[in-house]
Amino acid sequence: MQTIDWDHFQAIALHAGTITHAEPFPEARRPAYKLTVDFGPDLGIRRSSAQITDHYSTDDLVGRQILAVVNFPPKQIGPMRSECLVTGFYSEDGGVVLAVPDKPVQNGARLG
């Protein structure tokens, strides 16, 4: 594993946000949802595609806080433009389990 210094870590903007809308993304190559995430007044609302269909339904996601990278450049994924990267861990079954704050935090709160 490559090591990084503190400056490299701080270059990654990992922020908490709350999912306000989730819908199926049938145009995606792999099963995914389209998410709308509120990162608070400074970062605003961002959209993302997330391959988290194995462990979550759209109803499970709305209102849930997540952790996302918000300083990647936007990426075109099929017909949608993804503006952040929702983070998670691969479980033993290959599905993705979301990385989430243990307790509620303010939308926009930065990790680190």
C-alpha atoms as a PDB file:
ATOM      1  CA  MET A   1       0.000   0.000   0.000  1.00  0.00           C
ATOM      2  CA  GLN A   2       1.294   3.442  -0.897  1.00  0.00           C
ATOM      3  CA  THR A   3       1.605   5.893   1.984  1.00  0.00           C
ATOM      4  CA  ILE A   4       0.516   9.521   1.736  1.00  0.00           C
ATOM      5  CA  ASP A   5       1.295  12.585   3.782  1.00  0.00           C
ATOM      6  CA  TRP A   6      -1.182  14.840   5.617  1.00  0.00           C
ATOM      7  CA  ASP A   7      -1.406  17.283   2.690  1.00  0.00           C
ATOM      8  CA  HIS A   8      -2.521  14.488   0.358  1.00  0.00           C
ATOM      9  CA  PHE A   9      -5.205  13.406   2.824  1.00  0.00           C
ATOM     10  CA  GLN A  10      -6.447  16.961   3.261  1.00  0.00           C
ATOM     11  CA  ALA A  11      -6.748  17.319  -0.514  1.00  0.00           C
ATOM     12  CA  ILE A  12      -9.641  14.822  -0.389  1.00  0.00           C
ATOM     13  CA  ALA A  13     -12.813  16.680   0.601  1.00  0.00           C
ATOM     14  CA  LEU A  14     -14.892  14.047   2.450  1.00  0.00           C
ATOM     15  CA  HIS A  15     -18.131  15.603   3.690  1.00  0.00           C
ATOM     16  CA  ALA A  16     -21.331  14.412   5.342  1.00  0.00           C
ATOM     17  CA  GLY A  17     -24.594  14.893   3.503  1.00  0.00           C
ATOM     18  CA  THR A  18     -28.192  13.726   3.740  1.00  0.00           C
ATOM     19  CA  ILE A  19     -29.858  11.836   0.899  1.00  0.00           C
ATOM     20  CA  THR A  20     -33.002  13.750  -0.036  1.00  0.00           C
ATOM     21  CA  HIS A  21     -34.051  11.709  -3.074  1.00  0.00           C
ATOM     22  CA  ALA A  22     -33.232   8.250  -4.422  1.00  0.00           C
ATOM     23  CA  GLU A  23     -34.506   6.591  -7.572  1.00  0.00           C
ATOM     24  CA  PRO A  24     -33.585   3.605  -9.733  1.00  0.00           C
ATOM     25  CA  PHE A  25     -31.022   4.211 -12.477  1.00  0.00           C
ATOM     26  CA  PRO A  26     -32.072   1.728 -15.184  1.00  0.00           C
ATOM     27  CA  GLU A  27     -29.661   3.198 -17.759  1.00  0.00           C
ATOM     28  CA  ALA A  28     -26.599   2.288 -15.634  1.00  0.00           C
ATOM     29  CA  ARG A  29     -24.456  -0.662 -16.759  1.00  0.00           C
ATOM     30  CA  ARG A  30     -24.593  -2.190 -13.270  1.00  0.00           C
ATOM     31  CA  PRO A  31     -27.544  -1.877 -10.883  1.00  0.00           C
ATOM     32  CA  ALA A  32     -27.440   1.574  -9.304  1.00  0.00           C
ATOM     33  CA  TYR A  33     -29.493   4.411  -7.887  1.00  0.00           C
ATOM     34  CA  LYS A  34     -29.537   8.109  -8.725  1.00  0.00           C
ATOM     35  CA  LEU A  35     -29.107  10.022  -5.463  1.00  0.00           C
ATOM     36  CA  THR A  36     -29.659  13.657  -4.570  1.00  0.00           C
ATOM     37  CA  VAL A  37     -27.623  14.674  -1.522  1.00  0.00           C
ATOM     38  CA  ASP A  38     -27.848  17.836   0.592  1.00  0.00           C
ATOM     39  CA  PHE A  39     -24.391  18.955   1.775  1.00  0.00           C
ATOM     40  CA  GLY A  40     -25.634  22.102   3.509  1.00  0.00           C
ATOM     41  CA  PRO A  41     -25.545  25.766   2.505  1.00  0.00           C
ATOM     42  CA  ASP A  42     -21.845  25.973   1.607  1.00  0.00           C
ATOM     43  CA  LEU A  43     -21.651  22.913  -0.681  1.00  0.00           C
ATOM     44  CA  GLY A  44     -25.297  22.719  -1.716  1.00  0.00           C
ATOM     45  CA  ILE A  45     -27.180  19.909  -3.395  1.00  0.00           C
ATOM     46  CA  ARG A  46     -25.219  17.355  -5.431  1.00  0.00           C
ATOM     47  CA  ARG A  47     -26.208  14.321  -7.485  1.00  0.00           C
ATOM     48  CA  SER A  48     -24.504  10.949  -7.592  1.00  0.00           C
ATOM     49  CA  SER A  49     -24.869   7.481  -9.015  1.00  0.00           C
ATOM     50  CA  ALA A  50     -24.298   4.743  -6.439  1.00  0.00           C
ATOM     51  CA  GLN A  51     -24.095   0.974  -6.894  1.00  0.00           C
ATOM     52  CA  ILE A  52     -25.691   0.183  -3.537  1.00  0.00           C
ATOM     53  CA  THR A  53     -28.752  -1.776  -4.639  1.00  0.00           C
ATOM     54  CA  ASP A  54     -27.720  -5.040  -2.908  1.00  0.00           C
ATOM     55  CA  HIS A  55     -28.252  -3.741   0.616  1.00  0.00           C
ATOM     56  CA  TYR A  56     -30.563  -0.732   0.244  1.00  0.00           C
ATOM     57  CA  SER A  57     -33.891   0.178  -1.303  1.00  0.00           C
ATOM     58  CA  THR A  58     -34.683   3.725  -2.361  1.00  0.00           C
ATOM     59  CA  ASP A  59     -36.980   4.030   0.673  1.00  0.00           C
ATOM     60  CA  ASP A  60     -34.094   3.000   2.980  1.00  0.00           C
ATOM     61  CA  LEU A  61     -31.895   5.782   1.629  1.00  0.00           C
ATOM     62  CA  VAL A  62     -33.981   8.954   1.901  1.00  0.00           C
ATOM     63  CA  GLY A  63     -33.064  10.794   5.113  1.00  0.00           C
ATOM     64  CA  ARG A  64     -29.868   8.801   5.638  1.00  0.00           C
ATOM     65  CA  GLN A  65     -26.590  10.631   6.178  1.00  0.00           C
ATOM     66  CA  ILE A  66     -23.651   9.498   4.082  1.00  0.00           C
ATOM     67  CA  LEU A  67     -19.997  10.373   3.564  1.00  0.00           C
ATOM     68  CA  ALA A  68     -18.928  11.497   0.084  1.00  0.00           C
ATOM     69  CA  VAL A  69     -15.960  12.920  -1.784  1.00  0.00           C
ATOM     70  CA  VAL A  70     -17.128  16.270  -3.130  1.00  0.00           C
ATOM     71  CA  ASN A  71     -14.030  17.539  -4.913  1.00  0.00           C
ATOM     72  CA  PHE A  72     -13.707  15.059  -7.772  1.00  0.00           C
ATOM     73  CA  PRO A  73     -14.555  16.606 -11.124  1.00  0.00           C
ATOM     74  CA  PRO A  74     -18.102  15.818 -12.321  1.00  0.00           C
ATOM     75  CA  LYS A  75     -18.363  12.545 -14.227  1.00  0.00           C
ATOM     76  CA  GLN A  76     -20.882  11.723 -16.923  1.00  0.00           C
ATOM     77  CA  ILE A  77     -22.495   8.347 -16.179  1.00  0.00           C
ATOM     78  CA  GLY A  78     -24.924   7.540 -18.962  1.00  0.00           C
ATOM     79  CA  PRO A  79     -27.543  10.289 -19.050  1.00  0.00           C
ATOM     80  CA  MET A  80     -26.651  11.769 -15.639  1.00  0.00           C
ATOM     81  CA  ARG A  81     -23.799  13.900 -14.357  1.00  0.00           C
ATOM     82  CA  SER A  82     -22.389  12.606 -11.071  1.00  0.00           C
ATOM     83  CA  GLU A  83     -21.131  15.434  -8.848  1.00  0.00           C
ATOM     84  CA  CYS A  84     -19.824  13.505  -5.835  1.00  0.00           C
ATOM     85  CA  LEU A  85     -18.635  10.021  -4.892  1.00  0.00           C
ATOM     86  CA  VAL A  86     -20.670   8.313  -2.182  1.00  0.00           C
ATOM     87  CA  THR A  87     -18.327   6.109  -0.127  1.00  0.00           C
ATOM     88  CA  GLY A  88     -18.794   2.587   1.159  1.00  0.00           C
ATOM     89  CA  PHE A  89     -17.214  -0.773   1.860  1.00  0.00           C
ATOM     90  CA  TYR A  90     -17.538  -4.019  -0.083  1.00  0.00           C
ATOM     91  CA  SER A  91     -19.193  -6.691   2.050  1.00  0.00           C
ATOM     92  CA  GLU A  92     -18.393 -10.393   1.815  1.00  0.00           C
ATOM     93  CA  ASP A  93     -21.262 -10.877  -0.638  1.00  0.00           C
ATOM     94  CA  GLY A  94     -19.816  -8.216  -2.967  1.00  0.00           C
ATOM     95  CA  GLY A  95     -22.458  -5.587  -2.208  1.00  0.00           C
ATOM     96  CA  VAL A  96     -21.590  -2.106  -1.002  1.00  0.00           C
ATOM     97  CA  VAL A  97     -22.316  -1.008   2.572  1.00  0.00           C
ATOM     98  CA  LEU A  98     -22.411   2.768   2.988  1.00  0.00           C
ATOM     99  CA  ALA A  99     -19.805   4.632   5.047  1.00  0.00           C
ATOM    100  CA  VAL A 100     -21.911   6.757   7.393  1.00  0.00           C
ATOM    101  CA  PRO A 101     -21.468   8.947  10.488  1.00  0.00           C
ATOM    102  CA  ASP A 102     -22.140   7.039  13.700  1.00  0.00           C
ATOM    103  CA  LYS A 103     -24.278   9.906  15.007  1.00  0.00           C
ATOM    104  CA  PRO A 104     -25.980  12.767  13.139  1.00  0.00           C
ATOM    105  CA  VAL A 105     -23.704  15.610  12.116  1.00  0.00           C
ATOM    106  CA  GLN A 106     -24.325  18.877  10.295  1.00  0.00           C
ATOM    107  CA  ASN A 107     -24.675  18.511   6.524  1.00  0.00           C
ATOM    108  CA  GLY A 108     -21.394  19.639   5.031  1.00  0.00           C
ATOM    109  CA  ALA A 109     -19.294  18.564   8.020  1.00  0.00           C
ATOM    110  CA  ARG A 110     -15.827  17.570   6.819  1.00  0.00           C
ATOM    111  CA  LEU A 111     -14.031  14.368   7.798  1.00  0.00           C
ATOM    112  CA  GLY A 112     -10.557  14.923   9.117  1.00  0.00           C
END
